[in-house]
Amino acid sequence: MKPLIEKLLLEDATIHKVKYDKEWFYNLEDIAFYLKEDLSEVDFIHLPMQIFDEEEIVKCSTFEEIQRGRKEAK
């Protein structure tokens, strides 16, 4: 399992993210591609996000939810 470090996620321009209610939410599709893992067990919410200059509603999760979902999926 590839280690996940939030500081690196925040710096990575290939991972779309949005700050909502004082917390960072990451595009689950981007994280799954980054980790090359199935993240279907991760809890998510739908949030608007700018992707390639267009606003889209995407599945997003916090760093903590992603970590929890990865552990539960084992």
PDB file of N, CA and C in Angstrom:
ATOM      1  N   MET A   1       0.852  -1.172   0.000  1.00  0.00           N
ATOM      2  CA  MET A   1       0.000   0.000   0.000  1.00  0.00           C
ATOM      3  C   MET A   1       0.903   1.242   0.000  1.00  0.00           C
ATOM      4  N   LYS A   2       0.671   2.122  -0.946  1.00  0.00           N
ATOM      5  CA  LYS A   2       1.465   3.337  -1.061  1.00  0.00           C
ATOM      6  C   LYS A   2       1.148   4.268   0.112  1.00  0.00           C
ATOM      7  N   PRO A   3       2.181   4.827   0.769  1.00  0.00           N
ATOM      8  CA  PRO A   3       1.919   5.742   1.885  1.00  0.00           C
ATOM      9  C   PRO A   3       1.256   7.026   1.389  1.00  0.00           C
ATOM     10  N   LEU A   4       0.430   7.593   2.236  1.00  0.00           N
ATOM     11  CA  LEU A   4      -0.308   8.797   1.885  1.00  0.00           C
ATOM     12  C   LEU A   4       0.076   9.900   2.862  1.00  0.00           C
ATOM     13  N   ILE A   5       0.608  11.000   2.340  1.00  0.00           N
ATOM     14  CA  ILE A   5       1.044  12.128   3.159  1.00  0.00           C
ATOM     15  C   ILE A   5       0.287  13.358   2.692  1.00  0.00           C
ATOM     16  N   GLU A   6      -0.484  13.956   3.612  1.00  0.00           N
ATOM     17  CA  GLU A   6      -1.362  15.063   3.226  1.00  0.00           C
ATOM     18  C   GLU A   6      -0.591  16.251   2.666  1.00  0.00           C
ATOM     19  N   LYS A   7       0.558  16.555   3.205  1.00  0.00           N
ATOM     20  CA  LYS A   7       1.345  17.696   2.707  1.00  0.00           C
ATOM     21  C   LYS A   7       1.659  17.522   1.222  1.00  0.00           C
ATOM     22  N   LEU A   8       1.991  16.294   0.826  1.00  0.00           N
ATOM     23  CA  LEU A   8       2.289  16.028  -0.583  1.00  0.00           C
ATOM     24  C   LEU A   8       1.046  16.148  -1.458  1.00  0.00           C
ATOM     25  N   LEU A   9      -0.104  15.739  -0.923  1.00  0.00           N
ATOM     26  CA  LEU A   9      -1.362  15.874  -1.675  1.00  0.00           C
ATOM     27  C   LEU A   9      -1.693  17.339  -1.923  1.00  0.00           C
ATOM     28  N   LEU A  10      -1.462  18.171  -0.918  1.00  0.00           N
ATOM     29  CA  LEU A  10      -1.751  19.601  -1.058  1.00  0.00           C
ATOM     30  C   LEU A  10      -0.849  20.258  -2.092  1.00  0.00           C
ATOM     31  N   GLU A  11       0.374  19.754  -2.232  1.00  0.00           N
ATOM     32  CA  GLU A  11       1.331  20.325  -3.181  1.00  0.00           C
ATOM     33  C   GLU A  11       1.174  19.766  -4.591  1.00  0.00           C
ATOM     34  N   ASP A  12       0.528  18.630  -4.740  1.00  0.00           N
ATOM     35  CA  ASP A  12       0.412  17.949  -6.034  1.00  0.00           C
ATOM     36  C   ASP A  12      -0.667  18.600  -6.898  1.00  0.00           C
ATOM     37  N   ALA A  13      -0.255  19.192  -7.998  1.00  0.00           N
ATOM     38  CA  ALA A  13      -1.188  19.899  -8.885  1.00  0.00           C
ATOM     39  C   ALA A  13      -2.093  18.952  -9.663  1.00  0.00           C
ATOM     40  N   THR A  14      -1.755  17.659  -9.733  1.00  0.00           N
ATOM     41  CA  THR A  14      -2.587  16.712 -10.474  1.00  0.00           C
ATOM     42  C   THR A  14      -3.784  16.239  -9.651  1.00  0.00           C
ATOM     43  N   ILE A  15      -3.788  16.550  -8.357  1.00  0.00           N
ATOM     44  CA  ILE A  15      -4.897  16.154  -7.491  1.00  0.00           C
ATOM     45  C   ILE A  15      -5.767  17.380  -7.222  1.00  0.00           C
ATOM     46  N   HIS A  16      -6.992  17.315  -7.710  1.00  0.00           N
ATOM     47  CA  HIS A  16      -7.915  18.426  -7.493  1.00  0.00           C
ATOM     48  C   HIS A  16      -8.401  18.400  -6.047  1.00  0.00           C
ATOM     49  N   LYS A  17      -8.479  19.588  -5.474  1.00  0.00           N
ATOM     50  CA  LYS A  17      -8.886  19.708  -4.080  1.00  0.00           C
ATOM     51  C   LYS A  17      -9.639  21.010  -3.886  1.00  0.00           C
ATOM     52  N   VAL A  18     -10.427  21.053  -2.814  1.00  0.00           N
ATOM     53  CA  VAL A  18     -11.180  22.260  -2.508  1.00  0.00           C
ATOM     54  C   VAL A  18     -11.286  22.374  -0.989  1.00  0.00           C
ATOM     55  N   LYS A  19     -11.169  23.602  -0.498  1.00  0.00           N
ATOM     56  CA  LYS A  19     -11.328  23.828   0.933  1.00  0.00           C
ATOM     57  C   LYS A  19     -12.798  24.141   1.185  1.00  0.00           C
ATOM     58  N   TYR A  20     -13.397  23.360   2.065  1.00  0.00           N
ATOM     59  CA  TYR A  20     -14.816  23.497   2.364  1.00  0.00           C
ATOM     60  C   TYR A  20     -14.988  23.396   3.871  1.00  0.00           C
ATOM     61  N   ASP A  21     -15.622  24.374   4.467  1.00  0.00           N
ATOM     62  CA  ASP A  21     -15.864  24.381   5.906  1.00  0.00           C
ATOM     63  C   ASP A  21     -14.556  24.178   6.690  1.00  0.00           C
ATOM     64  N   LYS A  22     -13.508  24.906   6.278  1.00  0.00           N
ATOM     65  CA  LYS A  22     -12.190  24.911   6.931  1.00  0.00           C
ATOM     66  C   LYS A  22     -11.428  23.589   6.828  1.00  0.00           C
ATOM     67  N   GLU A  23     -11.828  22.720   5.914  1.00  0.00           N
ATOM     68  CA  GLU A  23     -11.175  21.428   5.772  1.00  0.00           C
ATOM     69  C   GLU A  23     -10.940  21.141   4.288  1.00  0.00           C
ATOM     70  N   TRP A  24      -9.803  20.505   3.970  1.00  0.00           N
ATOM     71  CA  TRP A  24      -9.507  20.149   2.587  1.00  0.00           C
ATOM     72  C   TRP A  24     -10.232  18.868   2.195  1.00  0.00           C
ATOM     73  N   PHE A  25     -10.842  18.911   1.018  1.00  0.00           N
ATOM     74  CA  PHE A  25     -11.489  17.740   0.424  1.00  0.00           C
ATOM     75  C   PHE A  25     -10.798  17.459  -0.898  1.00  0.00           C
ATOM     76  N   TYR A  26     -10.535  16.183  -1.144  1.00  0.00           N
ATOM     77  CA  TYR A  26      -9.795  15.747  -2.328  1.00  0.00           C
ATOM     78  C   TYR A  26     -10.709  14.960  -3.258  1.00  0.00           C
ATOM     79  N   ASN A  27     -10.514  15.167  -4.551  1.00  0.00           N
ATOM     80  CA  ASN A  27     -11.265  14.438  -5.565  1.00  0.00           C
ATOM     81  C   ASN A  27     -10.891  12.959  -5.461  1.00  0.00           C
ATOM     82  N   LEU A  28     -11.861  12.116  -5.147  1.00  0.00           N
ATOM     83  CA  LEU A  28     -11.590  10.694  -4.946  1.00  0.00           C
ATOM     84  C   LEU A  28     -11.033  10.020  -6.198  1.00  0.00           C
ATOM     85  N   GLU A  29     -11.497  10.423  -7.348  1.00  0.00           N
ATOM     86  CA  GLU A  29     -11.004   9.837  -8.598  1.00  0.00           C
ATOM     87  C   GLU A  29      -9.507  10.114  -8.760  1.00  0.00           C
ATOM     88  N   ASP A  30      -9.083  11.332  -8.439  1.00  0.00           N
ATOM     89  CA  ASP A  30      -7.663  11.691  -8.528  1.00  0.00           C
ATOM     90  C   ASP A  30      -6.829  10.893  -7.526  1.00  0.00           C
ATOM     91  N   ILE A  31      -7.338  10.749  -6.304  1.00  0.00           N
ATOM     92  CA  ILE A  31      -6.618  10.014  -5.269  1.00  0.00           C
ATOM     93  C   ILE A  31      -6.509   8.535  -5.651  1.00  0.00           C
ATOM     94  N   ALA A  32      -7.580   7.956  -6.170  1.00  0.00           N
ATOM     95  CA  ALA A  32      -7.556   6.554  -6.589  1.00  0.00           C
ATOM     96  C   ALA A  32      -6.515   6.343  -7.689  1.00  0.00           C
ATOM     97  N   PHE A  33      -6.438   7.272  -8.630  1.00  0.00           N
ATOM     98  CA  PHE A  33      -5.450   7.181  -9.706  1.00  0.00           C
ATOM     99  C   PHE A  33      -4.039   7.323  -9.138  1.00  0.00           C
ATOM    100  N   TYR A  34      -3.847   8.264  -8.221  1.00  0.00           N
ATOM    101  CA  TYR A  34      -2.555   8.517  -7.577  1.00  0.00           C
ATOM    102  C   TYR A  34      -2.072   7.281  -6.817  1.00  0.00           C
ATOM    103  N   LEU A  35      -2.985   6.656  -6.082  1.00  0.00           N
ATOM    104  CA  LEU A  35      -2.633   5.489  -5.275  1.00  0.00           C
ATOM    105  C   LEU A  35      -2.688   4.177  -6.050  1.00  0.00           C
ATOM    106  N   LYS A  36      -3.376   4.200  -7.202  1.00  0.00           N
ATOM    107  CA  LYS A  36      -3.635   2.988  -7.983  1.00  0.00           C
ATOM    108  C   LYS A  36      -4.353   1.942  -7.112  1.00  0.00           C
ATOM    109  N   GLU A  37      -5.409   2.444  -6.421  1.00  0.00           N
ATOM    110  CA  GLU A  37      -6.197   1.603  -5.507  1.00  0.00           C
ATOM    111  C   GLU A  37      -7.680   1.842  -5.739  1.00  0.00           C
ATOM    112  N   ASP A  38      -8.461   0.851  -5.342  1.00  0.00           N
ATOM    113  CA  ASP A  38      -9.918   0.989  -5.329  1.00  0.00           C
ATOM    114  C   ASP A  38     -10.307   1.691  -4.026  1.00  0.00           C
ATOM    115  N   LEU A  39     -10.961   2.830  -4.121  1.00  0.00           N
ATOM    116  CA  LEU A  39     -11.361   3.582  -2.933  1.00  0.00           C
ATOM    117  C   LEU A  39     -12.880   3.576  -2.761  1.00  0.00           C
ATOM    118  N   SER A  40     -13.525   2.529  -3.224  1.00  0.00           N
ATOM    119  CA  SER A  40     -14.985   2.470  -3.153  1.00  0.00           C
ATOM    120  C   SER A  40     -15.507   2.381  -1.720  1.00  0.00           C
ATOM    121  N   GLU A  41     -14.666   2.024  -0.764  1.00  0.00           N
ATOM    122  CA  GLU A  41     -15.089   1.937   0.642  1.00  0.00           C
ATOM    123  C   GLU A  41     -14.974   3.271   1.383  1.00  0.00           C
ATOM    124  N   VAL A  42     -14.441   4.285   0.727  1.00  0.00           N
ATOM    125  CA  VAL A  42     -14.235   5.583   1.362  1.00  0.00           C
ATOM    126  C   VAL A  42     -15.542   6.381   1.357  1.00  0.00           C
ATOM    127  N   ASP A  43     -15.896   6.945   2.520  1.00  0.00           N
ATOM    128  CA  ASP A  43     -17.064   7.827   2.607  1.00  0.00           C
ATOM    129  C   ASP A  43     -16.765   9.110   1.852  1.00  0.00           C
ATOM    130  N   PHE A  44     -17.781   9.661   1.198  1.00  0.00           N
ATOM    131  CA  PHE A  44     -17.560  10.864   0.392  1.00  0.00           C
ATOM    132  C   PHE A  44     -18.783  11.764   0.436  1.00  0.00           C
ATOM    133  N   ILE A  45     -18.579  12.990  -0.022  1.00  0.00           N
ATOM    134  CA  ILE A  45     -19.678  13.921  -0.268  1.00  0.00           C
ATOM    135  C   ILE A  45     -19.470  14.471  -1.677  1.00  0.00           C
ATOM    136  N   HIS A  46     -20.514  15.032  -2.236  1.00  0.00           N
ATOM    137  CA  HIS A  46     -20.401  15.658  -3.551  1.00  0.00           C
ATOM    138  C   HIS A  46     -20.177  17.156  -3.346  1.00  0.00           C
ATOM    139  N   LEU A  47     -19.141  17.673  -3.988  1.00  0.00           N
ATOM    140  CA  LEU A  47     -18.820  19.098  -3.893  1.00  0.00           C
ATOM    141  C   LEU A  47     -18.492  19.641  -5.284  1.00  0.00           C
ATOM    142  N   PRO A  48     -18.771  20.930  -5.501  1.00  0.00           N
ATOM    143  CA  PRO A  48     -18.365  21.549  -6.765  1.00  0.00           C
ATOM    144  C   PRO A  48     -16.851  21.787  -6.758  1.00  0.00           C
ATOM    145  N   MET A  49     -16.225  21.555  -7.909  1.00  0.00           N
ATOM    146  CA  MET A  49     -14.781  21.702  -8.004  1.00  0.00           C
ATOM    147  C   MET A  49     -14.429  22.167  -9.410  1.00  0.00           C
ATOM    148  N   GLN A  50     -13.445  23.049  -9.518  1.00  0.00           N
ATOM    149  CA  GLN A  50     -12.972  23.515 -10.824  1.00  0.00           C
ATOM    150  C   GLN A  50     -12.033  22.469 -11.406  1.00  0.00           C
ATOM    151  N   ILE A  51     -12.429  21.885 -12.525  1.00  0.00           N
ATOM    152  CA  ILE A  51     -11.598  20.897 -13.211  1.00  0.00           C
ATOM    153  C   ILE A  51     -11.484  21.309 -14.669  1.00  0.00           C
ATOM    154  N   PHE A  52     -10.261  21.613 -15.081  1.00  0.00           N
ATOM    155  CA  PHE A  52      -9.999  22.066 -16.449  1.00  0.00           C
ATOM    156  C   PHE A  52     -10.914  23.233 -16.835  1.00  0.00           C
ATOM    157  N   ASP A  53     -10.971  24.226 -15.966  1.00  0.00           N
ATOM    158  CA  ASP A  53     -11.724  25.470 -16.167  1.00  0.00           C
ATOM    159  C   ASP A  53     -13.232  25.280 -16.238  1.00  0.00           C
ATOM    160  N   GLU A  54     -13.722  24.142 -15.800  1.00  0.00           N
ATOM    161  CA  GLU A  54     -15.165  23.918 -15.736  1.00  0.00           C
ATOM    162  C   GLU A  54     -15.534  23.463 -14.334  1.00  0.00           C
ATOM    163  N   GLU A  55     -16.670  23.947 -13.844  1.00  0.00           N
ATOM    164  CA  GLU A  55     -17.121  23.508 -12.533  1.00  0.00           C
ATOM    165  C   GLU A  55     -17.875  22.194 -12.667  1.00  0.00           C
ATOM    166  N   GLU A  56     -17.434  21.208 -11.901  1.00  0.00           N
ATOM    167  CA  GLU A  56     -18.075  19.898 -11.900  1.00  0.00           C
ATOM    168  C   GLU A  56     -18.403  19.514 -10.469  1.00  0.00           C
ATOM    169  N   ILE A  57     -19.435  18.701 -10.307  1.00  0.00           N
ATOM    170  CA  ILE A  57     -19.774  18.141  -9.002  1.00  0.00           C
ATOM    171  C   ILE A  57     -19.109  16.764  -8.940  1.00  0.00           C
ATOM    172  N   VAL A  58     -18.211  16.589  -7.971  1.00  0.00           N
ATOM    173  CA  VAL A  58     -17.437  15.347  -7.896  1.00  0.00           C
ATOM    174  C   VAL A  58     -17.479  14.751  -6.492  1.00  0.00           C
ATOM    175  N   LYS A  59     -17.126  13.468  -6.402  1.00  0.00           N
ATOM    176  CA  LYS A  59     -17.020  12.791  -5.114  1.00  0.00           C
ATOM    177  C   LYS A  59     -15.731  13.243  -4.443  1.00  0.00           C
ATOM    178  N   CYS A  60     -15.865  13.738  -3.216  1.00  0.00           N
ATOM    179  CA  CYS A  60     -14.710  14.242  -2.475  1.00  0.00           C
ATOM    180  C   CYS A  60     -14.697  13.688  -1.064  1.00  0.00           C
ATOM    181  N   SER A  61     -13.492  13.547  -0.527  1.00  0.00           N
ATOM    182  CA  SER A  61     -13.323  13.079   0.849  1.00  0.00           C
ATOM    183  C   SER A  61     -12.177  13.819   1.505  1.00  0.00           C
ATOM    184  N   THR A  62     -12.224  13.843   2.830  1.00  0.00           N
ATOM    185  CA  THR A  62     -11.125  14.417   3.588  1.00  0.00           C
ATOM    186  C   THR A  62      -9.988  13.411   3.655  1.00  0.00           C
ATOM    187  N   PHE A  63      -8.829  13.880   4.047  1.00  0.00           N
ATOM    188  CA  PHE A  63      -7.668  13.012   4.205  1.00  0.00           C
ATOM    189  C   PHE A  63      -7.971  11.896   5.208  1.00  0.00           C
ATOM    190  N   GLU A  64      -8.630  12.254   6.319  1.00  0.00           N
ATOM    191  CA  GLU A  64      -8.949  11.277   7.357  1.00  0.00           C
ATOM    192  C   GLU A  64      -9.905  10.196   6.850  1.00  0.00           C
ATOM    193  N   GLU A  65     -10.908  10.596   6.082  1.00  0.00           N
ATOM    194  CA  GLU A  65     -11.856   9.620   5.526  1.00  0.00           C
ATOM    195  C   GLU A  65     -11.160   8.679   4.542  1.00  0.00           C
ATOM    196  N   ILE A  66     -10.234   9.204   3.766  1.00  0.00           N
ATOM    197  CA  ILE A  66      -9.498   8.370   2.819  1.00  0.00           C
ATOM    198  C   ILE A  66      -8.654   7.347   3.582  1.00  0.00           C
ATOM    199  N   GLN A  67      -7.961   7.804   4.613  1.00  0.00           N
ATOM    200  CA  GLN A  67      -7.145   6.895   5.421  1.00  0.00           C
ATOM    201  C   GLN A  67      -8.007   5.811   6.067  1.00  0.00           C
ATOM    202  N   ARG A  68      -9.138   6.207   6.621  1.00  0.00           N
ATOM    203  CA  ARG A  68     -10.036   5.249   7.271  1.00  0.00           C
ATOM    204  C   ARG A  68     -10.560   4.226   6.264  1.00  0.00           C
ATOM    205  N   GLY A  69     -10.975   4.667   5.104  1.00  0.00           N
ATOM    206  CA  GLY A  69     -11.496   3.778   4.069  1.00  0.00           C
ATOM    207  C   GLY A  69     -10.450   2.800   3.563  1.00  0.00           C
ATOM    208  N   ARG A  70      -9.221   3.244   3.483  1.00  0.00           N
ATOM    209  CA  ARG A  70      -8.137   2.349   3.038  1.00  0.00           C
ATOM    210  C   ARG A  70      -7.902   1.250   4.065  1.00  0.00           C
ATOM    211  N   LYS A  71      -7.932   1.577   5.334  1.00  0.00           N
ATOM    212  CA  LYS A  71      -7.701   0.590   6.394  1.00  0.00           C
ATOM    213  C   LYS A  71      -8.839  -0.420   6.457  1.00  0.00           C
ATOM    214  N   GLU A  72     -10.102   0.062   6.299  1.00  0.00           N
ATOM    215  CA  GLU A  72     -11.264  -0.815   6.375  1.00  0.00           C
ATOM    216  C   GLU A  72     -11.339  -1.743   5.165  1.00  0.00           C
ATOM    217  N   ALA A  73     -10.800  -1.341   4.044  1.00  0.00           N
ATOM    218  CA  ALA A  73     -10.865  -2.133   2.822  1.00  0.00           C
ATOM    219  C   ALA A  73      -9.883  -3.298   2.835  1.00  0.00           C
ATOM    220  N   LYS A  74      -8.928  -3.270   3.725  1.00  0.00           N
ATOM    221  CA  LYS A  74      -7.917  -4.356   3.798  1.00  0.00           C
ATOM    222  C   LYS A  74      -8.531  -5.676   4.131  1.00  0.00           C
TER     223      LYS A  74
END
